[in-house]
C-alpha atoms as a PDB file:
ATOM      1  CA  MET A   1      12.694  18.027  -4.481  1.00  0.00           C
ATOM      2  CA  ARG A   2       9.153  18.227  -2.901  1.00  0.00           C
ATOM      3  CA  PHE A   3       7.870  15.300  -3.413  1.00  0.00           C
ATOM      4  CA  ASP A   4       4.633  16.472  -4.801  1.00  0.00           C
ATOM      5  CA  ASP A   5       6.293  19.903  -7.356  1.00  0.00           C
ATOM      6  CA  ARG A   6       4.692  18.927 -10.221  1.00  0.00           C
ATOM      7  CA  LEU A   7       0.775  19.394  -9.169  1.00  0.00           C
ATOM      8  CA  PRO A   8       1.260  22.497 -10.608  1.00  0.00           C
ATOM      9  CA  ALA A   9       1.369  22.058 -13.671  1.00  0.00           C
ATOM     10  CA  ILE A  10      -1.097  19.188 -13.456  1.00  0.00           C
ATOM     11  CA  LEU A  11      -3.811  22.310 -12.037  1.00  0.00           C
ATOM     12  CA  ALA A  12      -2.603  24.118 -15.200  1.00  0.00           C
ATOM     13  CA  GLY A  13      -3.970  21.901 -17.988  1.00  0.00           C
ATOM     14  CA  THR A  14      -0.972  19.591 -18.670  1.00  0.00           C
ATOM     15  CA  ALA A  15      -2.702  16.362 -16.696  1.00  0.00           C
ATOM     16  CA  ILE A  16      -6.284  17.134 -16.345  1.00  0.00           C
ATOM     17  CA  SER A  17      -7.221  14.891 -19.160  1.00  0.00           C
ATOM     18  CA  SER A  18      -5.548  11.380 -17.190  1.00  0.00           C
ATOM     19  CA  ALA A  19      -6.429  12.925 -13.395  1.00  0.00           C
ATOM     20  CA  MET A  20      -9.327  14.087 -13.796  1.00  0.00           C
ATOM     21  CA  VAL A  21      -8.625  16.882 -11.782  1.00  0.00           C
ATOM     22  CA  ILE A  22     -12.024  19.594 -11.264  1.00  0.00           C
ATOM     23  CA  THR A  23     -10.869  22.525 -10.152  1.00  0.00           C
ATOM     24  CA  LEU A  24     -12.236  24.837  -8.692  1.00  0.00           C
ATOM     25  CA  PRO A  25     -11.993  28.838  -7.622  1.00  0.00           C
ATOM     26  CA  PRO A  26      -8.885  29.688  -6.399  1.00  0.00           C
ATOM     27  CA  THR A  27     -10.557  32.039  -3.532  1.00  0.00           C
ATOM     28  CA  ALA A  28     -10.810  30.248   0.262  1.00  0.00           C
ATOM     29  CA  VAL A  29     -13.338  31.063   2.670  1.00  0.00           C
ATOM     30  CA  ALA A  30     -12.238  30.281   6.034  1.00  0.00           C
ATOM     31  CA  LEU A  31     -13.618  28.963   8.480  1.00  0.00           C
ATOM     32  CA  THR A  32     -14.345  28.500  11.667  1.00  0.00           C
ATOM     33  CA  GLY A  33     -12.962  25.870  13.929  1.00  0.00           C
ATOM     34  CA  VAL A  34     -16.595  23.695  14.976  1.00  0.00           C
ATOM     35  CA  GLU A  35     -17.702  24.235  11.085  1.00  0.00           C
ATOM     36  CA  VAL A  36     -14.822  22.199   9.634  1.00  0.00           C
ATOM     37  CA  ASN A  37     -15.947  19.482  12.091  1.00  0.00           C
ATOM     38  CA  GLU A  38     -19.131  19.586  10.033  1.00  0.00           C
ATOM     39  CA  ILE A  39     -17.161  19.121   7.164  1.00  0.00           C
ATOM     40  CA  ALA A  40     -15.243  16.213   8.548  1.00  0.00           C
ATOM     41  CA  ARG A  41     -18.335  14.758   9.885  1.00  0.00           C
ATOM     42  CA  ALA A  42     -20.310  14.522   6.102  1.00  0.00           C
ATOM     43  CA  VAL A  43     -17.106  13.311   4.945  1.00  0.00           C
ATOM     44  CA  THR A  44     -15.499  11.233   7.752  1.00  0.00           C
ATOM     45  CA  VAL A  45     -16.274   7.205   7.103  1.00  0.00           C
ATOM     46  CA  LEU A  46     -15.196   4.663   9.561  1.00  0.00           C
ATOM     47  CA  ILE A  47     -14.024   1.226   7.430  1.00  0.00           C
ATOM     48  CA  VAL A  48     -13.647  -2.455   8.561  1.00  0.00           C
ATOM     49  CA  GLY A  49     -12.143  -5.639   8.430  1.00  0.00           C
ATOM     50  CA  GLU A  50     -12.820  -9.286   9.277  1.00  0.00           C
ATOM     51  CA  THR A  51     -11.224 -12.467   8.586  1.00  0.00           C
ATOM     52  CA  LYS A  52     -11.682 -15.697  10.489  1.00  0.00           C
ATOM     53  CA  ASN A  53      -9.692 -14.366  13.245  1.00  0.00           C
ATOM     54  CA  SER A  54      -9.136 -11.061  14.020  1.00  0.00           C
ATOM     55  CA  ILE A  55     -11.194  -7.890  13.527  1.00  0.00           C
ATOM     56  CA  GLY A  56      -9.662  -4.639  13.083  1.00  0.00           C
ATOM     57  CA  HIS A  57     -11.245  -0.638  12.069  1.00  0.00           C
ATOM     58  CA  GLY A  58     -10.080   2.611  10.284  1.00  0.00           C
ATOM     59  CA  SER A  59     -10.802   5.873   8.634  1.00  0.00           C
ATOM     60  CA  GLY A  60     -11.227   7.093   5.592  1.00  0.00           C
ATOM     61  CA  ALA A  61     -12.562  10.378   3.828  1.00  0.00           C
ATOM     62  CA  ILE A  62     -14.949   9.888   0.985  1.00  0.00           C
ATOM     63  CA  ILE A  63     -13.542  12.344  -1.957  1.00  0.00           C
ATOM     64  CA  ALA A  64     -15.484  11.726  -5.830  1.00  0.00           C
ATOM     65  CA  LYS A  65     -19.191   9.934  -6.997  1.00  0.00           C
ATOM     66  CA  ASP A  66     -19.826   8.599 -10.041  1.00  0.00           C
ATOM     67  CA  GLY A  67     -23.872   7.990 -10.108  1.00  0.00           C
ATOM     68  CA  ASP A  68     -24.897   6.136  -7.365  1.00  0.00           C
ATOM     69  CA  THR A  69     -20.950   4.498  -6.253  1.00  0.00           C
ATOM     70  CA  TYR A  70     -18.810   6.850  -3.498  1.00  0.00           C
ATOM     71  CA  TYR A  71     -14.926   6.431  -3.637  1.00  0.00           C
ATOM     72  CA  VAL A  72     -13.128   6.743  -0.482  1.00  0.00           C
ATOM     73  CA  LEU A  73      -8.965   7.346  -0.117  1.00  0.00           C
ATOM     74  CA  THR A  74      -7.403   5.504   2.999  1.00  0.00           C
ATOM     75  CA  ASN A  75      -4.420   3.830   3.543  1.00  0.00           C
ATOM     76  CA  GLN A  76      -3.520   0.985   2.287  1.00  0.00           C
ATOM     77  CA  HIS A  77      -2.631  -0.468   5.367  1.00  0.00           C
ATOM     78  CA  VAL A  78      -6.030  -0.124   6.581  1.00  0.00           C
ATOM     79  CA  VAL A  79      -7.575  -2.150   3.459  1.00  0.00           C
ATOM     80  CA  SER A  80      -4.892  -5.041   3.259  1.00  0.00           C
ATOM     81  CA  GLY A  81      -5.436  -8.826   4.489  1.00  0.00           C
ATOM     82  CA  TRP A  82      -9.120  -8.824   5.758  1.00  0.00           C
ATOM     83  CA  ASP A  83     -11.487 -11.466   4.361  1.00  0.00           C
ATOM     84  CA  LYS A  84     -14.286  -9.205   4.495  1.00  0.00           C
ATOM     85  CA  MET A  85     -15.305  -5.147   4.589  1.00  0.00           C
ATOM     86  CA  THR A  86     -17.734  -3.516   5.987  1.00  0.00           C
ATOM     87  CA  LEU A  87     -17.824   0.448   5.243  1.00  0.00           C
ATOM     88  CA  VAL A  88     -19.896   3.020   7.447  1.00  0.00           C
ATOM     89  CA  ALA A  89     -20.764   6.299   6.351  1.00  0.00           C
ATOM     90  CA  PRO A  90     -21.370   9.214   8.424  1.00  0.00           C
ATOM     91  CA  ASP A  91     -25.059   8.774   8.805  1.00  0.00           C
ATOM     92  CA  LYS A  92     -23.945   5.309  10.399  1.00  0.00           C
ATOM     93  CA  GLN A  93     -25.706   3.320   7.358  1.00  0.00           C
ATOM     94  CA  ALA A  94     -23.030   0.590   6.545  1.00  0.00           C
ATOM     95  CA  TYR A  95     -22.527  -0.942   3.339  1.00  0.00           C
ATOM     96  CA  GLU A  96     -20.423  -3.833   2.148  1.00  0.00           C
ATOM     97  CA  VAL A  97     -17.248  -3.099   0.031  1.00  0.00           C
ATOM     98  CA  ASN A  98     -15.570  -6.087  -2.190  1.00  0.00           C
ATOM     99  CA  PRO A  99     -12.340  -6.794  -1.223  1.00  0.00           C
ATOM    100  CA  ASP A 100     -11.324  -7.146  -4.857  1.00  0.00           C
ATOM    101  CA  THR A 101     -12.050  -4.281  -5.701  1.00  0.00           C
ATOM    102  CA  VAL A 102     -10.132  -1.709  -3.573  1.00  0.00           C
ATOM    103  CA  LYS A 103      -7.447  -0.320  -5.358  1.00  0.00           C
ATOM    104  CA  PRO A 104      -4.177   0.545  -3.837  1.00  0.00           C
ATOM    105  CA  LEU A 105      -1.881   3.136  -5.562  1.00  0.00           C
ATOM    106  CA  PRO A 106       1.994   1.975  -6.286  1.00  0.00           C
ATOM    107  CA  GLY A 107       4.832   2.142  -3.940  1.00  0.00           C
ATOM    108  CA  VAL A 108       2.450   4.797  -1.089  1.00  0.00           C
ATOM    109  CA  ASP A 109       0.421   3.729   1.183  1.00  0.00           C
ATOM    110  CA  LEU A 110      -2.957   5.181   0.114  1.00  0.00           C
ATOM    111  CA  ALA A 111      -6.151   2.963  -1.261  1.00  0.00           C
ATOM    112  CA  VAL A 112      -9.171   3.607  -3.153  1.00  0.00           C
ATOM    113  CA  VAL A 113     -12.284   2.119  -1.392  1.00  0.00           C
ATOM    114  CA  GLU A 114     -15.676   1.568  -3.113  1.00  0.00           C
ATOM    115  CA  PHE A 115     -19.304   1.528  -2.028  1.00  0.00           C
ATOM    116  CA  THR A 116     -22.441   2.204  -3.894  1.00  0.00           C
ATOM    117  CA  SER A 117     -25.734   3.682  -2.201  1.00  0.00           C
ATOM    118  CA  LYS A 118     -28.855   5.909  -3.679  1.00  0.00           C
ATOM    119  CA  LYS A 119     -28.393   8.114  -0.579  1.00  0.00           C
ATOM    120  CA  GLU A 120     -26.418  11.441  -1.341  1.00  0.00           C
ATOM    121  CA  TYR A 121     -23.548  12.187   0.929  1.00  0.00           C
ATOM    122  CA  GLN A 122     -20.614  14.561   0.712  1.00  0.00           C
ATOM    123  CA  VAL A 123     -17.741  15.556  -1.554  1.00  0.00           C
ATOM    124  CA  ALA A 124     -14.608  16.322  -0.050  1.00  0.00           C
ATOM    125  CA  LYS A 125     -12.754  18.856  -1.230  1.00  0.00           C
ATOM    126  CA  LEU A 126      -9.389  18.799  -2.349  1.00  0.00           C
ATOM    127  CA  ALA A 127      -6.764  21.443  -1.891  1.00  0.00           C
ATOM    128  CA  ASN A 128      -3.297  21.935  -3.655  1.00  0.00           C
ATOM    129  CA  SER A 129      -0.733  20.750  -0.745  1.00  0.00           C
ATOM    130  CA  GLN A 130       1.801  22.160  -2.086  1.00  0.00           C
ATOM    131  CA  LEU A 131       0.639  24.939  -1.038  1.00  0.00           C
ATOM    132  CA  ALA A 132       0.814  23.390   2.646  1.00  0.00           C
ATOM    133  CA  LYS A 133       3.207  25.681   4.841  1.00  0.00           C
ATOM    134  CA  GLU A 134       4.918  24.997   8.392  1.00  0.00           C
ATOM    135  CA  GLY A 135       3.166  26.472  11.371  1.00  0.00           C
ATOM    136  CA  GLN A 136      -0.600  26.292   9.395  1.00  0.00           C
ATOM    137  CA  ASP A 137      -3.762  25.163  11.325  1.00  0.00           C
ATOM    138  CA  VAL A 138      -4.607  21.319  10.380  1.00  0.00           C
ATOM    139  CA  PHE A 139      -7.620  19.235  11.670  1.00  0.00           C
ATOM    140  CA  ILE A 140      -7.647  15.860  11.303  1.00  0.00           C
ATOM    141  CA  SER A 141     -10.822  13.465  11.403  1.00  0.00           C
ATOM    142  CA  GLY A 142     -11.314   9.846  12.241  1.00  0.00           C
ATOM    143  CA  TRP A 143     -12.003   7.451  14.806  1.00  0.00           C
ATOM    144  CA  PRO A 144      -9.842   5.349  16.522  1.00  0.00           C
ATOM    145  CA  GLU A 145      -9.617   1.914  18.937  1.00  0.00           C
ATOM    146  CA  PRO A 146     -12.402   2.846  21.618  1.00  0.00           C
ATOM    147  CA  GLY A 147     -11.776   3.381  25.082  1.00  0.00           C
ATOM    148  CA  SER A 148     -13.184   2.158  28.776  1.00  0.00           C
ATOM    149  CA  THR A 149     -16.509   2.900  28.031  1.00  0.00           C
ATOM    150  CA  GLY A 150     -16.369   0.596  24.214  1.00  0.00           C
ATOM    151  CA  GLN A 151     -17.939   2.940  22.399  1.00  0.00           C
ATOM    152  CA  LEU A 152     -16.589   4.395  19.066  1.00  0.00           C
ATOM    153  CA  ILE A 153     -16.662   7.897  18.847  1.00  0.00           C
ATOM    154  CA  ARG A 154     -14.502   9.411  15.527  1.00  0.00           C
ATOM    155  CA  GLN A 155     -11.835  12.595  17.053  1.00  0.00           C
ATOM    156  CA  PHE A 156     -11.750  15.487  15.738  1.00  0.00           C
ATOM    157  CA  THR A 157      -8.293  17.250  16.739  1.00  0.00           C
ATOM    158  CA  ASP A 158      -6.566  20.190  16.114  1.00  0.00           C
ATOM    159  CA  GLY A 159      -3.353  21.162  15.409  1.00  0.00           C
ATOM    160  CA  ARG A 160      -0.485  21.652  12.876  1.00  0.00           C
ATOM    161  CA  ILE A 161       2.204  21.797  11.306  1.00  0.00           C
ATOM    162  CA  SER A 162       5.672  21.552  12.147  1.00  0.00           C
ATOM    163  CA  GLY A 163       7.403  20.198   9.112  1.00  0.00           C
ATOM    164  CA  PHE A 164       8.431  18.044   6.084  1.00  0.00           C
ATOM    165  CA  LEU A 165       9.846  14.927   4.853  1.00  0.00           C
ATOM    166  CA  ASP A 166      12.444  15.533   2.510  1.00  0.00           C
ATOM    167  CA  ARG A 167      12.818  11.603   1.712  1.00  0.00           C
ATOM    168  CA  PRO A 168       9.433  11.054   1.471  1.00  0.00           C
ATOM    169  CA  VAL A 169       8.497   6.747   3.390  1.00  0.00           C
ATOM    170  CA  GLU A 170       5.761   5.285   1.690  1.00  0.00           C
ATOM    171  CA  GLY A 171       4.171   8.399   0.802  1.00  0.00           C
ATOM    172  CA  TYR A 172       4.072  10.029   4.237  1.00  0.00           C
ATOM    173  CA  GLN A 173       5.851  13.465   4.462  1.00  0.00           C
ATOM    174  CA  MET A 174       3.423  16.551   6.074  1.00  0.00           C
ATOM    175  CA  ILE A 175       3.709  16.359   9.955  1.00  0.00           C
ATOM    176  CA  TYR A 176       2.255  18.106  12.666  1.00  0.00           C
ATOM    177  CA  THR A 177       0.868  17.643  15.855  1.00  0.00           C
ATOM    178  CA  ASN A 178      -2.148  16.631  16.553  1.00  0.00           C
ATOM    179  CA  VAL A 179      -2.981  14.124  18.898  1.00  0.00           C
ATOM    180  CA  THR A 180      -4.382  10.767  17.025  1.00  0.00           C
ATOM    181  CA  ARG A 181      -4.993   6.942  18.677  1.00  0.00           C
ATOM    182  CA  ARG A 182      -5.361   3.719  16.505  1.00  0.00           C
ATOM    183  CA  GLY A 183      -7.956   3.567  14.143  1.00  0.00           C
ATOM    184  CA  MET A 184      -7.780   7.139  12.991  1.00  0.00           C
ATOM    185  CA  SER A 185      -5.466   6.049  10.129  1.00  0.00           C
ATOM    186  CA  GLY A 186      -6.883   6.916   6.867  1.00  0.00           C
ATOM    187  CA  GLY A 187      -8.615   9.756   8.210  1.00  0.00           C
ATOM    188  CA  PRO A 188      -8.612  12.967   6.363  1.00  0.00           C
ATOM    189  CA  VAL A 189      -6.258  16.053   7.402  1.00  0.00           C
ATOM    190  CA  LEU A 190      -8.022  19.436   6.445  1.00  0.00           C
ATOM    191  CA  ASP A 191      -6.842  22.666   6.624  1.00  0.00           C
ATOM    192  CA  ALA A 192      -9.026  25.701   7.509  1.00  0.00           C
ATOM    193  CA  GLY A 193     -10.693  25.994   4.739  1.00  0.00           C
ATOM    194  CA  GLY A 194     -12.125  22.218   5.221  1.00  0.00           C
ATOM    195  CA  ARG A 195     -10.686  20.969   2.333  1.00  0.00           C
ATOM    196  CA  VAL A 196      -8.860  18.161   2.603  1.00  0.00           C
ATOM    197  CA  ILE A 197      -5.059  17.989   1.979  1.00  0.00           C
ATOM    198  CA  ALA A 198      -3.770  14.688   3.214  1.00  0.00           C
ATOM    199  CA  ILE A 199      -4.083  11.272   5.065  1.00  0.00           C
ATOM    200  CA  HIS A 200      -3.310  10.451   8.136  1.00  0.00           C
ATOM    201  CA  GLY A 201      -1.872   7.322   8.652  1.00  0.00           C
ATOM    202  CA  TRP A 202       1.685   6.864  10.758  1.00  0.00           C
ATOM    203  CA  GLY A 203       2.785   8.408  14.598  1.00  0.00           C
ATOM    204  CA  ASP A 204       5.404   8.894  16.243  1.00  0.00           C
ATOM    205  CA  TYR A 205       5.583   6.069  19.212  1.00  0.00           C
ATOM    206  CA  GLU A 206       8.314   6.128  22.432  1.00  0.00           C
ATOM    207  CA  ASP A 207      11.440   3.500  22.287  1.00  0.00           C
ATOM    208  CA  SER A 208      11.143   0.459  23.901  1.00  0.00           C
ATOM    209  CA  SER A 209      14.359  -0.191  24.224  1.00  0.00           C
ATOM    210  CA  LYS A 210      14.251   3.079  26.032  1.00  0.00           C
ATOM    211  CA  LEU A 211      11.634   0.607  29.217  1.00  0.00           C
ATOM    212  CA  THR A 212      13.424  -2.098  29.069  1.00  0.00           C
ATOM    213  CA  GLU A 213      16.679  -0.548  29.782  1.00  0.00           C
ATOM    214  CA  ILE A 214      15.107   1.090  32.675  1.00  0.00           C
ATOM    215  CA  GLU A 215      12.185  -0.388  33.759  1.00  0.00           C
ATOM    216  CA  GLY A 216      13.265  -3.180  33.548  1.00  0.00           C
ATOM    217  CA  MET A 217      10.316  -5.207  31.293  1.00  0.00           C
ATOM    218  CA  THR A 218      10.539  -8.358  28.657  1.00  0.00           C
ATOM    219  CA  ASP A 219      10.933  -7.151  24.919  1.00  0.00           C
ATOM    220  CA  GLU A 220       6.984  -8.183  24.473  1.00  0.00           C
ATOM    221  CA  ALA A 221       6.201  -5.795  27.662  1.00  0.00           C
ATOM    222  CA  ALA A 222       8.240  -2.611  26.267  1.00  0.00           C
ATOM    223  CA  ALA A 223       6.852  -3.170  23.128  1.00  0.00           C
ATOM    224  CA  ASN A 224       3.306  -3.617  24.101  1.00  0.00           C
ATOM    225  CA  ILE A 225       3.547  -0.776  26.260  1.00  0.00           C
ATOM    226  CA  ALA A 226       5.092   2.067  23.909  1.00  0.00           C
ATOM    227  CA  ARG A 227       2.795   1.506  21.245  1.00  0.00           C
ATOM    228  CA  LEU A 228       0.733   3.128  23.640  1.00  0.00           C
ATOM    229  CA  ILE A 229       2.879   5.878  24.137  1.00  0.00           C
ATOM    230  CA  LYS A 230       3.837   8.893  21.655  1.00  0.00           C
ATOM    231  CA  PRO A 231       5.825  11.660  21.553  1.00  0.00           C
ATOM    232  CA  GLY A 232       3.131  14.181  19.758  1.00  0.00           C
ATOM    233  CA  PHE A 233       4.022  13.573  16.105  1.00  0.00           C
ATOM    234  CA  ASN A 234       2.470  12.189  13.222  1.00  0.00           C
ATOM    235  CA  TYR A 235       2.714  11.820   9.635  1.00  0.00           C
ATOM    236  CA  ALA A 236       0.672  12.340   6.882  1.00  0.00           C
ATOM    237  CA  ILE A 237       1.013  11.678   3.045  1.00  0.00           C
ATOM    238  CA  PRO A 238       0.155  14.959   0.991  1.00  0.00           C
ATOM    239  CA  ILE A 239      -3.372  14.600  -1.235  1.00  0.00           C
ATOM    240  CA  ASN A 240      -0.811  15.865  -3.991  1.00  0.00           C
ATOM    241  CA  THR A 241       0.792  12.554  -3.943  1.00  0.00           C
ATOM    242  CA  TYR A 242      -2.643  10.354  -4.319  1.00  0.00           C
ATOM    243  CA  LEU A 243      -3.158  13.192  -8.036  1.00  0.00           C
ATOM    244  CA  GLN A 244      -0.562  12.340  -9.139  1.00  0.00           C
ATOM    245  CA  LEU A 245      -0.014   8.469  -8.910  1.00  0.00           C
ATOM    246  CA  ALA A 246      -3.846   7.253  -9.165  1.00  0.00           C
ATOM    247  CA  PRO A 247      -3.314   7.916 -13.747  1.00  0.00           C
ATOM    248  CA  GLN A 248      -1.058   4.674 -12.772  1.00  0.00           C
ATOM    249  CA  ALA A 249      -3.064   3.170 -10.287  1.00  0.00           C
ATOM    250  CA  GLY A 250      -6.155   3.462 -13.602  1.00  0.00           C
ATOM    251  CA  ILE A 251      -7.643   5.432 -11.048  1.00  0.00           C
ATOM    252  CA  TYR A 252      -9.397   8.375 -12.974  1.00  0.00           C
ATOM    253  CA  LEU A 253     -12.600  10.021 -10.717  1.00  0.00           C
ATOM    254  CA  GLY A 254     -13.370  13.641 -10.963  1.00  0.00           C
ATOM    255  CA  VAL A 255     -12.402  15.006  -8.016  1.00  0.00           C
ATOM    256  CA  LYS A 256     -13.009  18.735  -7.039  1.00  0.00           C
ATOM    257  CA  VAL A 257      -9.100  20.730  -6.634  1.00  0.00           C
ATOM    258  CA  GLU A 258      -8.769  24.604  -4.782  1.00  0.00           C
ATOM    259  CA  ASN A 259      -5.484  25.258  -6.000  1.00  0.00           C
ATOM    260  CA  SER A 260      -5.332  28.302  -2.764  1.00  0.00           C
ATOM    261  CA  ALA A 261      -3.282  28.466   0.137  1.00  0.00           C
ATOM    262  CA  ALA A 262      -4.785  27.712   3.532  1.00  0.00           C
ATOM    263  CA  PRO A 263      -6.661  30.615   4.973  1.00  0.00           C
ATOM    264  CA  GLY A 264      -7.379  32.164   8.554  1.00  0.00           C
ATOM    265  CA  LEU A 265      -8.745  30.094  10.994  1.00  0.00           C
ATOM    266  CA  GLY A 266     -11.986  32.327  11.090  1.00  0.00           C
ATOM    267  CA  GLU A 267     -12.122  31.246  14.880  1.00  0.00           C
ATOM    268  CA  PRO A 268     -10.391  28.100  17.152  1.00  0.00           C
ATOM    269  CA  TYR A 269     -11.853  24.422  17.917  1.00  0.00           C
ATOM    270  CA  VAL A 270     -13.248  24.075  20.929  1.00  0.00           C
ATOM    271  CA  SER A 271     -13.751  21.071  22.354  1.00  0.00           C
ATOM    272  CA  GLN A 272     -17.297  19.819  22.105  1.00  0.00           C
ATOM    273  CA  GLU A 273     -19.198  16.934  24.162  1.00  0.00           C
ATOM    274  CA  PRO A 274     -19.318  14.275  20.948  1.00  0.00           C
ATOM    275  CA  ASP A 275     -22.310  14.742  18.183  1.00  0.00           C
ATOM    276  CA  SER A 276     -24.688  11.399  18.302  1.00  0.00           C
ATOM    277  CA  ASP A 277     -24.194  11.037  14.724  1.00  0.00           C
ATOM    278  CA  ASP A 278     -20.067  10.749  16.386  1.00  0.00           C
ATOM    279  CA  VAL A 279     -20.940   7.904  18.389  1.00  0.00           C
ATOM    280  CA  ILE A 280     -21.492   3.788  17.823  1.00  0.00           C
ATOM    281  CA  ASP A 281     -22.857   2.495  21.176  1.00  0.00           C
ATOM    282  CA  ASP A 282     -22.681  -1.089  19.836  1.00  0.00           C
ATOM    283  CA  LEU A 283     -20.814  -2.112  16.410  1.00  0.00           C
ATOM    284  CA  ASN A 284     -21.940  -5.453  15.737  1.00  0.00           C
ATOM    285  CA  ASP A 285     -26.045  -3.601  15.152  1.00  0.00           C
ATOM    286  CA  THR A 286     -24.405  -0.926  13.029  1.00  0.00           C
ATOM    287  CA  LEU A 287     -22.724  -3.469  10.730  1.00  0.00           C
ATOM    288  CA  SER A 288     -25.435  -5.331  10.547  1.00  0.00           C
ATOM    289  CA  SER A 289     -26.963  -2.932   8.857  1.00  0.00           C
ATOM    290  CA  VAL A 290     -25.581  -3.326   6.046  1.00  0.00           C
ATOM    291  CA  ASN A 291     -28.066  -6.625   5.597  1.00  0.00           C
ATOM    292  CA  ARG A 292     -31.555  -4.105   5.099  1.00  0.00           C
ATOM    293  CA  VAL A 293     -28.987  -2.331   3.047  1.00  0.00           C
ATOM    294  CA  LEU A 294     -29.541  -5.269   1.031  1.00  0.00           C
ATOM    295  CA  ASN A 295     -32.540  -6.108   1.552  1.00  0.00           C
ATOM    296  CA  THR A 296     -33.571  -2.916   0.629  1.00  0.00           C
ATOM    297  CA  VAL A 297     -32.113  -1.860  -2.988  1.00  0.00           C
ATOM    298  CA  ASN A 298     -32.223  -5.096  -4.162  1.00  0.00           C
ATOM    299  CA  ASP A 299     -35.586  -7.831  -3.970  1.00  0.00           C
ATOM    300  CA  GLY A 300     -35.785 -11.401  -5.219  1.00  0.00           C
ATOM    301  CA  ALA A 301     -33.855 -15.086  -4.560  1.00  0.00           C
ATOM    302  CA  ASN A 302     -30.650 -13.502  -5.718  1.00  0.00           C
ATOM    303  CA  THR A 303     -30.059 -11.189  -2.778  1.00  0.00           C
ATOM    304  CA  ILE A 304     -30.882 -13.676  -0.284  1.00  0.00           C
ATOM    305  CA  ARG A 305     -28.892 -15.984  -1.639  1.00  0.00           C
ATOM    306  CA  ARG A 306     -25.828 -13.467  -1.459  1.00  0.00           C
ATOM    307  CA  ILE A 307     -26.379 -12.369   2.310  1.00  0.00           C
ATOM    308  CA  CYS A 308     -26.068 -16.068   3.232  1.00  0.00           C
ATOM    309  CA  GLY A 309     -22.805 -16.761   1.355  1.00  0.00           C
ATOM    310  CA  LEU A 310     -21.643 -13.253   3.097  1.00  0.00           C
ATOM    311  CA  PHE A 311     -22.862 -14.268   6.669  1.00  0.00           C
ATOM    312  CA  GLY A 312     -24.551 -16.784   7.187  1.00  0.00           C
ATOM    313  CA  CYS A 313     -28.355 -18.192   7.583  1.00  0.00           C
END
């Protein structure tokens, strides 16, 4: 049995009150690859974590809003173990994230992160991943580690679903051919209707033992190189897994779900030059904007003390 076989029951109404699923009209509109990318850009966020000795990042997707609070679905491994976290919204505005408010889902590599803003950000539509099929077009959006230029550039890659695991591993079940890199974990997998059907998080890596045997490398050197060589398959957690487990984690969000199969792609995606909104030249400068947000939203001594406590004065 597929891990997400119960969603039709949720969408039929047996669990709507607990999962807070808002069903939408069943017809999905066929979009071009460029149009799907525009949606992906509007709902994909960058999540930066820091400790005293390290810094790292991953991606996420805005899936719900309640008042001024937005909710982002990402991988649990993206948001675990950090002393401080900052979320960079699609408009490059940075927001402080309280690690204590992160809500992991039981038994799978998913978590929900929240941030508060008076700005209007687009919320992703979800789709019943039970209806996803092998061979259909899918797209992944996320912020990979910077290349030789040192720039962070959001990537949007196309591919196809190539299969499903019979037995999910930490929730991972969907397999696809899209190119990904480290840092894109937590980013949305979208169908040709621009709807989020899964959360990306794992990629196959080359077997380091081959490098040890053939090239005579040390185990450590072989492992470091193997992590950079990806055979091509990647894995995601279907969105239905989130819908089923959210109530168990005390998460009750009014997410919008379409219960229809993916439409055919209106026009294939052709890679383009990065949009200016997809490029972060200086991450430190972007992260520093969190100070300006806090000063704008809150005035007075309490805000100043809060900023000093977080970043030093």
